[in-house]
């Protein structure tokens, strides 16, 4: 409870003092404030910009900034790998990101759809505009036991598409290790991937015999990490992240990384405004 209160008050202070909520005001919709022209993506015919289409010989549509209440999904992907950190636990950092995004949403009087998700919906929350409800969810996020849990991003997409029928801003918070596919929600929503990592896991430099615990089944084992082993691990993770970025670019998903020793608010504002 003490840690939840600390995160809540810190996030509330940041949201009010730095006007962080306004960083989320760029969702695209049918408002009157013109934003940009982009490629056609199964949009309504009324959105087509015929002049730009004729000039480029490709279908182009107009986008406008949202002028009414936004629907904002903030999803914390719970997985055993989040219970790690050389500076702070990734779970703790993700909870702070969740607090900032959720408080910014309700402060701007938008409707928050909170998600705590692993390979299933861990807890069911009604859409809310209440700060008190946000505090309760932060407490749940910090208290949830992560060992044994695995994040399933496709099932998250299915859940969001089942519950939310209107266009939304969707923030997905996790370490994005393993298989990731957000294409099902990227087509009709503005999606932001907030990647939480620890620098040690991206640059393994431990060369020794190490005792490990499998976070999924709690099995204990010993492994000897050599320079060759560490090099192979680092290479595989870089290849994974390269494919992850390709996926995000392909589906026009905004993304960015926040490390456990970063200035969280600053990095998050850069992601939201990207």
Protein backbone atom coordinates (compact mmCIF):
# COMPACT_ATOMS: atom_id res chain seq x y z
CA UNK A 1 0.00 0.00 0.00
CA UNK A 2 2.86 2.38 0.82
CA UNK A 3 4.54 1.85 -2.58
CA UNK A 4 1.22 2.25 -4.39
CA UNK A 5 0.59 5.55 -2.59
CA UNK A 6 4.08 6.80 -3.44
CA UNK A 7 3.64 5.99 -7.14
CA UNK A 8 0.15 7.48 -7.21
CA UNK A 9 1.17 10.79 -5.60
CA UNK A 10 4.33 11.08 -7.72
CA UNK A 11 2.37 10.42 -10.93
CA UNK A 12 -0.37 12.86 -9.88
CA UNK A 13 2.22 15.57 -9.23
CA UNK A 14 3.87 14.98 -12.62
CA UNK A 15 0.55 15.05 -14.47
CA UNK A 16 -0.55 18.34 -12.88
CA UNK A 17 2.79 20.16 -12.81
CA UNK A 18 3.95 19.28 -16.32
CA UNK A 19 0.52 19.18 -17.97
CA UNK A 20 1.27 15.66 -19.19
CA UNK A 21 -2.38 15.02 -20.03
CA UNK A 22 -2.20 17.33 -23.04
CA UNK A 23 0.40 15.04 -24.57
CA UNK A 24 -2.40 12.56 -25.24
CA UNK A 25 -4.62 15.00 -27.15
CA UNK A 26 -3.48 13.97 -30.63
CA UNK A 27 -5.81 11.01 -31.18
CA UNK A 28 -7.23 10.94 -34.69
CA UNK A 29 -10.96 11.21 -35.33
CA UNK A 30 -13.66 13.13 -37.19
CA UNK A 31 -13.20 16.48 -35.45
CA UNK A 32 -12.87 19.80 -37.25
CA UNK A 33 -9.19 20.39 -36.47
CA UNK A 34 -7.20 19.15 -39.49
CA UNK A 35 -4.14 17.08 -38.60
CA UNK A 36 -2.54 15.40 -41.63
CA UNK A 37 -2.97 13.45 -44.85
CA UNK A 38 -2.13 9.75 -44.90
CA UNK A 39 -2.57 6.63 -47.06
CA UNK A 40 -6.04 5.10 -47.34
CA UNK A 41 -6.63 2.23 -44.86
CA UNK A 42 -10.22 1.05 -45.36
CA UNK A 43 -11.42 4.49 -44.24
CA UNK A 44 -14.83 6.01 -44.93
CA UNK A 45 -15.17 7.49 -48.42
CA UNK A 46 -15.99 10.91 -46.99
CA UNK A 47 -12.43 11.12 -45.60
CA UNK A 48 -10.75 10.77 -49.02
CA UNK A 49 -8.74 13.80 -50.12
CA UNK A 50 -9.38 13.68 -53.88
CA UNK A 51 -6.87 16.41 -54.72
CA UNK A 52 -4.02 14.59 -52.91
CA UNK A 53 -5.19 11.29 -54.41
CA UNK A 54 -5.00 12.68 -57.96
CA UNK A 55 -1.59 14.21 -57.33
CA UNK A 56 -0.05 11.03 -55.89
CA UNK A 57 -2.05 8.50 -57.94
CA UNK A 58 -2.76 6.72 -54.65
CA UNK A 59 -5.77 7.00 -52.34
CA UNK A 60 -5.16 9.57 -49.60
CA UNK A 61 -7.39 10.54 -46.67
CA UNK A 62 -7.64 13.49 -44.29
CA UNK A 63 -7.11 13.01 -40.55
CA UNK A 64 -8.50 15.35 -37.93
CA UNK A 65 -7.65 15.85 -34.27
CA UNK A 66 -10.17 14.49 -31.78
CA UNK A 67 -12.56 17.12 -30.43
CA UNK A 68 -14.69 15.00 -28.13
CA UNK A 69 -14.11 12.56 -25.25
CA UNK A 70 -11.39 10.02 -25.94
CA UNK A 71 -11.49 6.33 -25.12
CA UNK A 72 -8.10 5.39 -23.67
CA UNK A 73 -6.98 1.81 -23.05
CA UNK A 74 -4.00 1.35 -20.73
CA UNK A 75 -2.91 -2.30 -20.66
CA UNK A 76 -0.20 -3.61 -18.32
CA UNK A 77 1.09 -6.94 -19.68
CA UNK A 78 1.85 -9.13 -16.66
CA UNK A 79 4.61 -11.69 -17.18
CA UNK A 80 7.21 -13.44 -15.07
CA UNK A 81 10.00 -11.65 -16.93
CA UNK A 82 8.77 -8.33 -15.50
CA UNK A 83 9.95 -9.45 -12.05
CA UNK A 84 13.52 -8.45 -12.85
CA UNK A 85 15.67 -5.36 -12.61
CA UNK A 86 19.22 -4.33 -11.74
CA UNK A 87 18.14 -0.77 -10.83
CA UNK A 88 14.39 -1.07 -10.24
CA UNK A 89 12.05 -3.95 -10.95
CA UNK A 90 10.45 -3.69 -14.39
CA UNK A 91 7.14 -4.33 -12.64
CA UNK A 92 7.63 -1.19 -10.56
CA UNK A 93 8.55 0.95 -13.59
CA UNK A 94 5.59 -0.38 -15.57
CA UNK A 95 3.27 0.41 -12.66
CA UNK A 96 4.52 4.01 -12.66
CA UNK A 97 3.96 4.27 -16.42
CA UNK A 98 0.47 2.84 -15.89
CA UNK A 99 -0.18 5.44 -13.18
CA UNK A 100 0.97 8.36 -15.35
CA UNK A 101 -1.10 7.34 -18.37
CA UNK A 102 -4.20 6.51 -16.31
CA UNK A 103 -4.13 9.72 -14.26
CA UNK A 104 -3.51 11.81 -17.38
CA UNK A 105 -6.57 10.18 -18.94
CA UNK A 106 -8.99 10.84 -16.08
CA UNK A 107 -7.54 14.33 -15.43
CA UNK A 108 -8.46 15.26 -19.00
CA UNK A 109 -11.96 13.83 -18.35
CA UNK A 110 -11.47 11.05 -20.87
CA UNK A 111 -12.73 7.51 -20.35
CA UNK A 112 -10.12 5.05 -19.06
CA UNK A 113 -10.28 1.34 -19.89
CA UNK A 114 -7.74 -0.26 -17.50
CA UNK A 115 -6.30 -3.69 -18.25
CA UNK A 116 -4.13 -6.01 -16.17
CA UNK A 117 -3.49 -8.82 -18.64
CA UNK A 118 -1.23 -11.90 -18.93
CA UNK A 119 -2.50 -14.68 -21.18
CA UNK A 120 -5.94 -13.76 -19.87
CA UNK A 121 -7.71 -10.81 -18.31
CA UNK A 122 -6.41 -10.95 -14.73
CA UNK A 123 -8.91 -8.49 -13.31
CA UNK A 124 -12.05 -6.95 -14.76
CA UNK A 125 -12.46 -3.19 -14.33
CA UNK A 126 -15.29 -1.00 -15.47
CA UNK A 127 -14.33 2.02 -17.61
CA UNK A 128 -13.66 4.88 -15.23
CA UNK A 129 -12.95 8.59 -14.83
CA UNK A 130 -12.11 8.24 -11.14
CA UNK A 131 -8.68 8.94 -9.60
CA UNK A 132 -9.57 6.73 -6.63
CA UNK A 133 -10.17 3.81 -8.98
CA UNK A 134 -6.79 4.42 -10.60
CA UNK A 135 -5.14 4.14 -7.17
CA UNK A 136 -6.82 0.77 -6.57
CA UNK A 137 -5.56 -0.54 -9.91
CA UNK A 138 -1.99 0.64 -9.23
CA UNK A 139 -2.10 -1.23 -5.93
CA UNK A 140 -3.30 -4.35 -7.76
CA UNK A 141 -0.54 -4.00 -10.37
CA UNK A 142 2.15 -3.88 -7.68
CA UNK A 143 0.65 -6.69 -5.61
CA UNK A 144 0.06 -9.16 -8.44
CA UNK A 145 2.39 -12.17 -8.30
CA UNK A 146 4.09 -12.39 -11.69
CA UNK A 147 5.90 -15.71 -11.36
CA UNK A 148 4.30 -18.29 -13.61
CA UNK A 149 2.58 -15.71 -15.82
CA UNK A 150 3.17 -15.28 -19.56
CA UNK A 151 2.08 -12.32 -21.69
CA UNK A 152 -0.05 -13.14 -24.73
CA UNK A 153 -0.38 -10.06 -26.93
CA UNK A 154 -2.76 -11.62 -29.46
CA UNK A 155 -5.22 -12.55 -26.72
CA UNK A 156 -4.99 -8.97 -25.44
CA UNK A 157 -6.01 -7.76 -28.91
CA UNK A 158 -8.96 -10.17 -28.97
CA UNK A 159 -10.08 -8.94 -25.55
CA UNK A 160 -9.85 -5.27 -26.51
CA UNK A 161 -11.73 -5.84 -29.77
CA UNK A 162 -14.46 -7.72 -27.87
CA UNK A 163 -15.04 -5.04 -25.24
CA UNK A 164 -14.30 -1.77 -27.03
CA UNK A 165 -16.21 -1.00 -30.20
CA UNK A 166 -15.22 2.65 -30.66
CA UNK A 167 -11.87 3.97 -31.83
CA UNK A 168 -9.43 4.34 -28.94
CA UNK A 169 -5.92 5.27 -27.95
CA UNK A 170 -4.34 2.00 -26.80
CA UNK A 171 -1.21 1.97 -24.63
CA UNK A 172 0.38 -1.44 -24.17
CA UNK A 173 2.99 -1.63 -21.39
CA UNK A 174 5.32 -4.63 -21.16
CA UNK A 175 8.81 -5.90 -21.89
CA UNK A 176 7.70 -7.31 -25.27
CA UNK A 177 9.81 -10.45 -25.02
CA UNK A 178 8.49 -13.50 -26.84
CA UNK A 179 5.92 -13.40 -29.64
CA UNK A 180 4.27 -10.02 -30.20
CA UNK A 181 1.42 -9.26 -32.60
CA UNK A 182 -0.67 -6.11 -32.17
CA UNK A 183 -1.98 -5.96 -35.73
CA UNK A 184 -5.56 -6.78 -34.71
CA UNK A 185 -5.91 -3.54 -32.74
CA UNK A 186 -3.61 -1.36 -34.84
CA UNK A 187 -5.96 -1.17 -37.82
CA UNK A 188 -8.72 0.86 -36.13
CA UNK A 189 -6.96 2.35 -33.08
CA UNK A 190 -3.98 4.58 -32.29
CA UNK A 191 -1.59 2.13 -30.63
CA UNK A 192 1.46 2.93 -28.50
CA UNK A 193 3.89 0.23 -27.34
CA UNK A 194 5.75 1.19 -24.16
CA UNK A 195 8.67 -1.24 -23.85
CA UNK A 196 10.06 -1.66 -20.32
CA UNK A 197 13.60 -3.06 -20.22
CA UNK A 198 16.62 -3.31 -17.93
CA UNK A 199 20.00 -2.48 -19.43
CA UNK A 200 21.55 -5.65 -18.01
CA UNK A 201 19.18 -7.91 -19.94
CA UNK A 202 20.13 -6.17 -23.20
CA UNK A 203 23.87 -6.34 -22.58
CA UNK A 204 24.69 -9.52 -20.72
CA UNK A 205 28.23 -9.35 -19.34
CA UNK A 206 28.17 -11.96 -16.56
CA UNK A 207 30.80 -14.63 -17.27
CA UNK A 208 30.52 -17.20 -14.51
CA UNK A 209 28.55 -20.12 -13.16
CA UNK A 210 25.13 -18.75 -12.20
CA UNK A 211 22.12 -20.21 -10.41
CA UNK A 212 18.87 -19.55 -12.29
CA UNK A 213 15.17 -19.91 -11.52
CA UNK A 214 12.75 -20.41 -14.40
CA UNK A 215 10.12 -17.69 -13.72
CA UNK A 216 7.38 -19.71 -15.40
CA UNK A 217 7.65 -23.03 -13.54
CA UNK A 218 10.08 -22.03 -10.73
CA UNK A 219 12.49 -24.81 -11.72
CA UNK A 220 16.05 -24.18 -10.48
CA UNK A 221 19.14 -24.89 -12.59
CA UNK A 222 22.78 -23.92 -12.87
CA UNK A 223 24.38 -22.59 -16.06
CA UNK A 224 27.87 -21.53 -16.98
CA UNK A 225 27.77 -18.26 -18.91
CA UNK A 226 30.78 -17.83 -21.15
CA UNK A 227 31.63 -14.92 -23.43
CA UNK A 228 30.33 -16.98 -26.35
CA UNK A 229 27.04 -17.68 -24.54
CA UNK A 230 26.57 -14.01 -23.66
CA UNK A 231 27.39 -12.95 -27.23
CA UNK A 232 24.83 -15.39 -28.64
CA UNK A 233 22.18 -14.21 -26.17
CA UNK A 234 22.79 -10.53 -26.95
CA UNK A 235 22.65 -11.26 -30.68
CA UNK A 236 19.34 -13.15 -30.41
CA UNK A 237 17.76 -10.33 -28.40
CA UNK A 238 18.89 -7.73 -30.95
CA UNK A 239 17.39 -9.85 -33.75
CA UNK A 240 14.15 -10.13 -31.77
CA UNK A 241 13.98 -6.35 -31.23
CA UNK A 242 14.72 -5.69 -34.91
CA UNK A 243 11.73 -7.85 -35.92
CA UNK A 244 9.65 -6.15 -33.23
CA UNK A 245 10.42 -2.71 -34.67
CA UNK A 246 9.61 -3.94 -38.18
CA UNK A 247 6.22 -5.09 -36.89
CA UNK A 248 5.57 -1.70 -35.29
CA UNK A 249 6.57 0.24 -38.40
CA UNK A 250 4.46 -1.99 -40.64
CA UNK A 251 1.32 -1.42 -38.58
CA UNK A 252 2.02 2.25 -37.78
CA UNK A 253 2.40 1.61 -34.05
CA UNK A 254 4.23 4.28 -32.06
CA UNK A 255 6.81 2.80 -29.70
CA UNK A 256 9.73 3.50 -27.42
CA UNK A 257 11.80 1.97 -24.64
CA UNK A 258 11.97 2.97 -21.01
CA UNK A 259 14.82 1.47 -18.98
CA UNK A 260 14.66 0.89 -15.25
CA UNK A 261 17.18 3.70 -14.64
CA UNK A 262 15.55 6.25 -16.99
CA UNK A 263 13.68 9.46 -16.28
CA UNK A 264 10.31 7.77 -16.78
CA UNK A 265 8.17 10.85 -17.37
CA UNK A 266 10.52 12.34 -19.95
CA UNK A 267 10.82 9.10 -21.92
CA UNK A 268 7.07 8.48 -21.77
CA UNK A 269 6.27 11.99 -23.07
CA UNK A 270 8.56 11.37 -26.03
CA UNK A 271 6.74 8.12 -26.83
CA UNK A 272 3.29 9.69 -26.57
CA UNK A 273 4.26 12.61 -28.81
CA UNK A 274 5.96 10.44 -31.45
